[in-house]
C-alpha atoms as a PDB file:
ATOM      1  CA  LYS A   1      -7.037 -15.580   1.226  1.00  0.00           C
ATOM      2  CA  PRO A   2      -9.643 -14.653   3.276  1.00  0.00           C
ATOM      3  CA  LEU A   3      -7.730 -16.400   6.443  1.00  0.00           C
ATOM      4  CA  ILE A   4      -4.819 -14.359   5.783  1.00  0.00           C
ATOM      5  CA  LEU A   5      -6.840 -10.884   5.340  1.00  0.00           C
ATOM      6  CA  GLN A   6      -8.510 -12.010   8.806  1.00  0.00           C
ATOM      7  CA  ALA A   7      -5.386 -12.705  10.314  1.00  0.00           C
ATOM      8  CA  LEU A   8      -4.450  -8.997   9.318  1.00  0.00           C
ATOM      9  CA  SER A   9      -6.877  -7.639  12.085  1.00  0.00           C
ATOM     10  CA  ASP A  10      -5.697 -10.184  14.962  1.00  0.00           C
ATOM     11  CA  ALA A  11      -4.559  -8.889  17.987  1.00  0.00           C
ATOM     12  CA  ASP A  12      -1.481 -10.908  18.099  1.00  0.00           C
ATOM     13  CA  GLY A  13       1.163  -8.537  16.292  1.00  0.00           C
ATOM     14  CA  THR A  14       2.981 -11.860  15.185  1.00  0.00           C
ATOM     15  CA  ILE A  15       0.139 -13.180  13.246  1.00  0.00           C
ATOM     16  CA  ARG A  16      -0.325  -9.889  11.638  1.00  0.00           C
ATOM     17  CA  THR A  17       3.355  -9.663  10.643  1.00  0.00           C
ATOM     18  CA  ARG A  18       2.937 -13.012   9.306  1.00  0.00           C
ATOM     19  CA  ALA A  19      -0.033 -12.373   7.421  1.00  0.00           C
ATOM     20  CA  LEU A  20       1.705  -9.445   5.703  1.00  0.00           C
ATOM     21  CA  GLU A  21       4.489 -11.772   4.581  1.00  0.00           C
ATOM     22  CA  LEU A  22       2.158 -14.437   3.087  1.00  0.00           C
ATOM     23  CA  LEU A  23      -0.011 -11.294   1.608  1.00  0.00           C
ATOM     24  CA  LYS A  24       3.110 -10.417  -0.478  1.00  0.00           C
ATOM     25  CA  GLY A  25       3.789 -13.991  -1.685  1.00  0.00           C
ATOM     26  CA  MET A  26      -0.154 -14.467  -2.999  1.00  0.00           C
ATOM     27  CA  THR A  27      -0.014 -10.948  -4.814  1.00  0.00           C
ATOM     28  CA  THR A  28      -0.397 -10.994  -8.485  1.00  0.00           C
ATOM     29  CA  ARG A  29      -1.571  -8.818 -11.429  1.00  0.00           C
ATOM     30  CA  LYS A  30      -4.797 -10.286 -11.261  1.00  0.00           C
ATOM     31  CA  ASN A  31      -5.482  -9.555  -7.315  1.00  0.00           C
ATOM     32  CA  ILE A  32      -3.221  -6.441  -6.613  1.00  0.00           C
ATOM     33  CA  ARG A  33      -6.349  -3.863  -6.869  1.00  0.00           C
ATOM     34  CA  GLU A  34      -8.247  -6.163  -4.828  1.00  0.00           C
ATOM     35  CA  LEU A  35      -6.127  -6.806  -2.046  1.00  0.00           C
ATOM     36  CA  MET A  36      -4.935  -3.254  -1.773  1.00  0.00           C
ATOM     37  CA  THR A  37      -8.468  -1.948  -1.581  1.00  0.00           C
ATOM     38  CA  GLN A  38      -9.634  -4.484   1.403  1.00  0.00           C
ATOM     39  CA  LEU A  39      -6.372  -3.195   2.910  1.00  0.00           C
ATOM     40  CA  LEU A  40      -7.325   0.578   2.215  1.00  0.00           C
ATOM     41  CA  ARG A  41     -10.836   0.274   3.071  1.00  0.00           C
ATOM     42  CA  GLN A  42     -11.112  -2.371   5.821  1.00  0.00           C
ATOM     43  CA  HIS A  43      -7.661  -2.893   7.662  1.00  0.00           C
ATOM     44  CA  VAL A  44      -5.940   0.668   7.502  1.00  0.00           C
ATOM     45  CA  PRO A  45      -8.920   2.661   9.078  1.00  0.00           C
ATOM     46  CA  GLN A  46      -9.279   0.214  12.001  1.00  0.00           C
ATOM     47  CA  ALA A  47      -5.609  -0.094  12.638  1.00  0.00           C
ATOM     48  CA  SER A  48      -3.700   1.571  15.441  1.00  0.00           C
ATOM     49  CA  SER A  49      -1.277   4.307  14.360  1.00  0.00           C
ATOM     50  CA  GLY A  50       1.743   2.135  14.724  1.00  0.00           C
ATOM     51  CA  TYR A  51       0.344  -0.661  12.721  1.00  0.00           C
ATOM     52  CA  ARG A  52      -1.561   1.751  10.496  1.00  0.00           C
ATOM     53  CA  LYS A  53       2.058   2.756   9.228  1.00  0.00           C
ATOM     54  CA  VAL A  54       3.434  -0.941   8.849  1.00  0.00           C
ATOM     55  CA  LEU A  55       0.256  -1.313   6.209  1.00  0.00           C
ATOM     56  CA  ILE A  56       0.906   1.455   4.444  1.00  0.00           C
ATOM     57  CA  GLN A  57       4.658   1.042   4.019  1.00  0.00           C
ATOM     58  CA  HIS A  58       3.526  -2.553   3.061  1.00  0.00           C
ATOM     59  CA  MET A  59       0.782  -1.538   0.537  1.00  0.00           C
ATOM     60  CA  ILE A  60       3.189   0.937  -0.999  1.00  0.00           C
ATOM     61  CA  GLN A  61       6.236  -1.702  -1.067  1.00  0.00           C
ATOM     62  CA  LEU A  62       3.922  -3.918  -2.920  1.00  0.00           C
ATOM     63  CA  CYS A  63       2.629  -1.814  -5.409  1.00  0.00           C
ATOM     64  CA  SER A  64       5.747  -0.012  -6.272  1.00  0.00           C
ATOM     65  CA  GLY A  65       8.593  -3.045  -5.875  1.00  0.00           C
ATOM     66  CA  SER A  66      10.541  -4.597  -8.369  1.00  0.00           C
ATOM     67  CA  LYS A  67       9.579  -1.515 -10.858  1.00  0.00           C
ATOM     68  CA  TYR A  68       5.710  -1.801 -10.843  1.00  0.00           C
ATOM     69  CA  GLN A  69       6.049  -5.196 -11.827  1.00  0.00           C
ATOM     70  CA  TYR A  70       2.187  -5.960 -11.222  1.00  0.00           C
ATOM     71  CA  PHE A  71       1.145  -3.315 -13.225  1.00  0.00           C
ATOM     72  CA  ASP A  72       1.120  -3.675 -17.135  1.00  0.00           C
ATOM     73  CA  GLY A  73      -0.837  -0.401 -18.323  1.00  0.00           C
ATOM     74  CA  SER A  74      -1.742   3.061 -18.003  1.00  0.00           C
ATOM     75  CA  GLY A  75      -5.183   1.763 -16.337  1.00  0.00           C
ATOM     76  CA  ASP A  76      -3.245   0.426 -13.270  1.00  0.00           C
ATOM     77  CA  PHE A  77      -1.153   3.404 -12.785  1.00  0.00           C
ATOM     78  CA  GLU A  78      -4.381   5.649 -12.873  1.00  0.00           C
ATOM     79  CA  TRP A  79      -5.992   3.095 -10.112  1.00  0.00           C
ATOM     80  CA  TYR A  80      -2.511   3.424  -8.161  1.00  0.00           C
ATOM     81  CA  LEU A  81      -2.193   7.178  -8.081  1.00  0.00           C
ATOM     82  CA  ASP A  82      -5.950   7.221  -6.939  1.00  0.00           C
ATOM     83  CA  MET A  83      -4.809   4.740  -3.940  1.00  0.00           C
ATOM     84  CA  LEU A  84      -2.047   7.083  -3.140  1.00  0.00           C
ATOM     85  CA  PHE A  85      -4.142  10.151  -3.273  1.00  0.00           C
ATOM     86  CA  GLU A  86      -6.789   8.322  -0.670  1.00  0.00           C
ATOM     87  CA  LEU A  87      -3.533   7.501   1.537  1.00  0.00           C
ATOM     88  CA  ILE A  88      -2.294  11.176   1.696  1.00  0.00           C
ATOM     89  CA  PRO A  89      -4.670  12.177   4.516  1.00  0.00           C
ATOM     90  CA  ILE A  90      -4.233   9.069   6.248  1.00  0.00           C
ATOM     91  CA  VAL A  91      -0.446   8.973   5.981  1.00  0.00           C
ATOM     92  CA  ILE A  92      -0.556  12.834   7.433  1.00  0.00           C
ATOM     93  CA  LEU A  93      -2.856  11.701  10.347  1.00  0.00           C
ATOM     94  CA  THR A  94      -0.277   8.839  11.101  1.00  0.00           C
ATOM     95  CA  SER A  95       2.327  11.014  10.843  1.00  0.00           C
ATOM     96  CA  ASN A  96       0.874  13.387  13.366  1.00  0.00           C
ATOM     97  CA  GLU A  97      -0.245  10.643  15.469  1.00  0.00           C
ATOM     98  CA  SER A  98       3.313   8.680  15.579  1.00  0.00           C
ATOM     99  CA  VAL A  99       6.411  10.839  16.802  1.00  0.00           C
ATOM    100  CA  GLY A 100       9.662   9.697  14.479  1.00  0.00           C
ATOM    101  CA  THR A 101       7.647   7.860  11.942  1.00  0.00           C
ATOM    102  CA  THR A 102       9.389   7.387   8.247  1.00  0.00           C
ATOM    103  CA  THR A 103       5.912   7.599   6.719  1.00  0.00           C
ATOM    104  CA  SER A 104       5.241  10.956   5.600  1.00  0.00           C
ATOM    105  CA  SER A 105       3.776  13.328   3.158  1.00  0.00           C
ATOM    106  CA  SER A 106       6.893  13.569   1.425  1.00  0.00           C
ATOM    107  CA  THR A 107       7.341   9.841   0.976  1.00  0.00           C
ATOM    108  CA  THR A 108       4.255   9.876  -0.692  1.00  0.00           C
ATOM    109  CA  SER A 109       4.992  12.979  -2.955  1.00  0.00           C
ATOM    110  CA  THR A 110       8.203  11.223  -4.108  1.00  0.00           C
ATOM    111  CA  LEU A 111       6.108   8.144  -4.800  1.00  0.00           C
ATOM    112  CA  LEU A 112       3.532  10.483  -6.921  1.00  0.00           C
ATOM    113  CA  LEU A 113       6.649  11.637  -8.762  1.00  0.00           C
ATOM    114  CA  ASP A 114       7.911   8.271  -9.209  1.00  0.00           C
ATOM    115  CA  THR A 115       4.789   6.889 -10.660  1.00  0.00           C
ATOM    116  CA  ASP A 116       4.562   9.826 -13.022  1.00  0.00           C
ATOM    117  CA  LYS A 117       7.994   8.807 -14.598  1.00  0.00           C
ATOM    118  CA  GLU A 118       6.901   5.206 -14.892  1.00  0.00           C
ATOM    119  CA  VAL A 119       3.534   6.151 -16.813  1.00  0.00           C
ATOM    120  CA  ALA A 120       5.495   8.477 -19.138  1.00  0.00           C
ATOM    121  CA  THR A 121       7.665   5.490 -19.925  1.00  0.00           C
ATOM    122  CA  LEU A 122       4.950   3.042 -20.317  1.00  0.00           C
ATOM    123  CA  LEU A 123       3.188   5.655 -22.647  1.00  0.00           C
ATOM    124  CA  GLN A 124       6.274   6.181 -24.940  1.00  0.00           C
ATOM    125  CA  HIS A 125       6.507   2.344 -25.698  1.00  0.00           C
END
């Protein structure tokens, strides 16, 4: 795991892309918070605007993909919402730096609403 996380900061874009693919395969319910926190704290701030956009999209896809498969309680959604709120200023900055970017504050807003619906469903069961 440390080698893959280190490869996310490699100068070679191909190595970074492969590391992101491997990260997806090694993500579990037990380590999703740790992995996303490391990406948010260590890799996103240092990344160029183009790569930052890719990292943020990857983080969001990992967390929200397959109906939030890595989340099994409201505490997980609380953590995820906190992460999304931390990402909002970064997404706005990245959008301002990258012309034509698909990562935007409206995308993040949509995810916040979607997460709210998932939490409501979870709490009803």
